[in-house]
Protein backbone atom coordinates (compact mmCIF):
# COMPACT_ATOMS: atom_id res chain seq x y z
CA UNK A 1 -32.95 32.87 3.38
CA UNK A 2 -31.50 32.81 7.13
CA UNK A 3 -31.51 28.84 6.66
CA UNK A 4 -29.15 29.16 3.91
CA UNK A 5 -27.26 31.87 5.71
CA UNK A 6 -26.82 29.83 8.64
CA UNK A 7 -25.83 26.56 6.83
CA UNK A 8 -23.73 28.37 5.11
CA UNK A 9 -22.31 29.62 8.20
CA UNK A 10 -21.98 26.35 9.36
CA UNK A 11 -20.16 24.73 6.24
CA UNK A 12 -17.80 27.28 6.69
CA UNK A 13 -17.41 26.76 10.54
CA UNK A 14 -16.89 22.69 9.16
CA UNK A 15 -14.75 23.38 6.68
CA UNK A 16 -12.33 25.76 9.17
CA UNK A 17 -12.38 23.15 12.20
CA UNK A 18 -11.39 20.70 9.00
CA UNK A 19 -8.42 22.76 7.98
CA UNK A 20 -7.32 23.05 11.60
CA UNK A 21 -7.37 19.44 12.32
CA UNK A 22 -5.51 18.45 9.00
CA UNK A 23 -1.93 17.06 8.64
CA UNK A 24 0.32 17.72 6.22
CA UNK A 25 0.43 16.05 2.81
CA UNK A 26 4.02 14.20 4.01
CA UNK A 27 2.40 13.10 7.22
CA UNK A 28 -0.53 11.79 5.39
CA UNK A 29 1.53 9.97 2.74
CA UNK A 30 3.72 8.06 5.39
CA UNK A 31 0.61 6.96 7.31
CA UNK A 32 -0.97 5.37 4.32
CA UNK A 33 2.21 3.63 3.83
CA UNK A 34 2.90 2.61 7.26
CA UNK A 35 -0.70 1.77 7.29
CA UNK A 36 -0.28 -1.04 3.97
CA UNK A 37 3.08 -2.39 5.65
CA UNK A 38 1.16 -3.30 8.55
CA UNK A 39 -1.52 -4.83 6.24
CA UNK A 40 1.15 -6.62 4.03
CA UNK A 41 3.13 -8.08 6.57
CA UNK A 42 2.75 -11.74 5.53
CA UNK A 43 3.22 -10.66 2.18
CA UNK A 44 6.87 -9.45 3.30
CA UNK A 45 7.38 -12.68 4.82
CA UNK A 46 6.96 -14.84 2.21
CA UNK A 47 8.92 -12.47 -0.04
CA UNK A 48 11.57 -13.29 2.28
CA UNK A 49 11.10 -16.86 2.30
CA UNK A 50 11.21 -16.78 -1.25
CA UNK A 51 14.70 -14.81 -1.54
CA UNK A 52 15.91 -17.43 0.78
CA UNK A 53 15.18 -20.44 -1.56
CA UNK A 54 16.14 -18.56 -4.49
CA UNK A 55 19.91 -18.41 -2.83
CA UNK A 56 19.92 -21.69 -1.60
CA UNK A 57 18.16 -23.89 -4.25
CA UNK A 58 20.61 -23.24 -6.41
CA UNK A 59 23.08 -24.98 -4.97
CA UNK A 60 20.96 -27.60 -4.01
CA UNK A 61 20.42 -28.45 -7.41
CA UNK A 62 24.43 -27.54 -9.01
CA UNK A 63 23.32 -24.53 -10.51
CA UNK A 64 25.34 -22.16 -8.59
CA UNK A 65 24.68 -19.53 -11.63
CA UNK A 66 21.05 -19.07 -10.86
CA UNK A 67 21.92 -17.32 -7.88
CA UNK A 68 22.58 -14.41 -9.77
CA UNK A 69 18.66 -14.30 -10.45
CA UNK A 70 18.16 -14.00 -6.95
CA UNK A 71 19.15 -9.83 -6.83
CA UNK A 72 17.57 -9.27 -10.24
CA UNK A 73 13.95 -11.11 -8.37
CA UNK A 74 14.20 -9.37 -5.39
CA UNK A 75 14.73 -5.83 -7.70
CA UNK A 76 11.52 -6.52 -9.63
CA UNK A 77 9.40 -7.51 -6.68
CA UNK A 78 10.55 -4.69 -4.38
CA UNK A 79 9.33 -2.41 -7.67
CA UNK A 80 5.98 -4.15 -7.90
CA UNK A 81 5.36 -4.21 -4.54
CA UNK A 82 6.21 -0.18 -4.04
CA UNK A 83 4.05 0.41 -6.86
CA UNK A 84 1.09 -1.81 -5.43
CA UNK A 85 1.94 0.26 -2.23
CA UNK A 86 1.71 4.08 -3.99
CA UNK A 87 -1.48 3.07 -5.53
CA UNK A 88 -3.36 2.07 -2.50
CA UNK A 89 -1.38 5.39 -0.81
CA UNK A 90 -2.71 7.44 -3.72
CA UNK A 91 -6.62 6.02 -3.57
CA UNK A 92 -6.58 6.62 0.23
CA UNK A 93 -4.82 10.16 -0.07
CA UNK A 94 -7.51 11.06 -2.82
CA UNK A 95 -10.64 9.42 -1.01
CA UNK A 96 -9.85 11.34 2.08
CA UNK A 97 -9.18 14.62 0.29
CA UNK A 98 -12.51 14.49 -2.05
CA UNK A 99 -14.59 13.43 1.04
CA UNK A 100 -13.19 16.35 2.71
CA UNK A 101 -13.69 19.14 -0.21
CA UNK A 102 -17.10 17.89 -0.35
CA UNK A 103 -17.67 18.00 3.54
CA UNK A 104 -16.59 21.75 3.08
CA UNK A 105 -18.98 22.55 0.45
């Protein structure tokens, strides 16, 4: 009986300590966004090169009307990469939340 009380007190203390040290939702969200961007910096470099090529190559092959595709490519790729980033943020945020909840129990 005393062991259960001690365990429950320890869990409460741990839960209180974790609550005091947690960051706000926006801070955690921005942290994971920055972390994803740092991990995928090479991807952004490649995307920039593709964008530059999609602007220059149509003039090299005498098809200047293909330059209009560059903004479309940029918009689609931005949406796709932003979606991947938010999936990463949600996955890590939910993992941290579920870990914190299981530790507090």
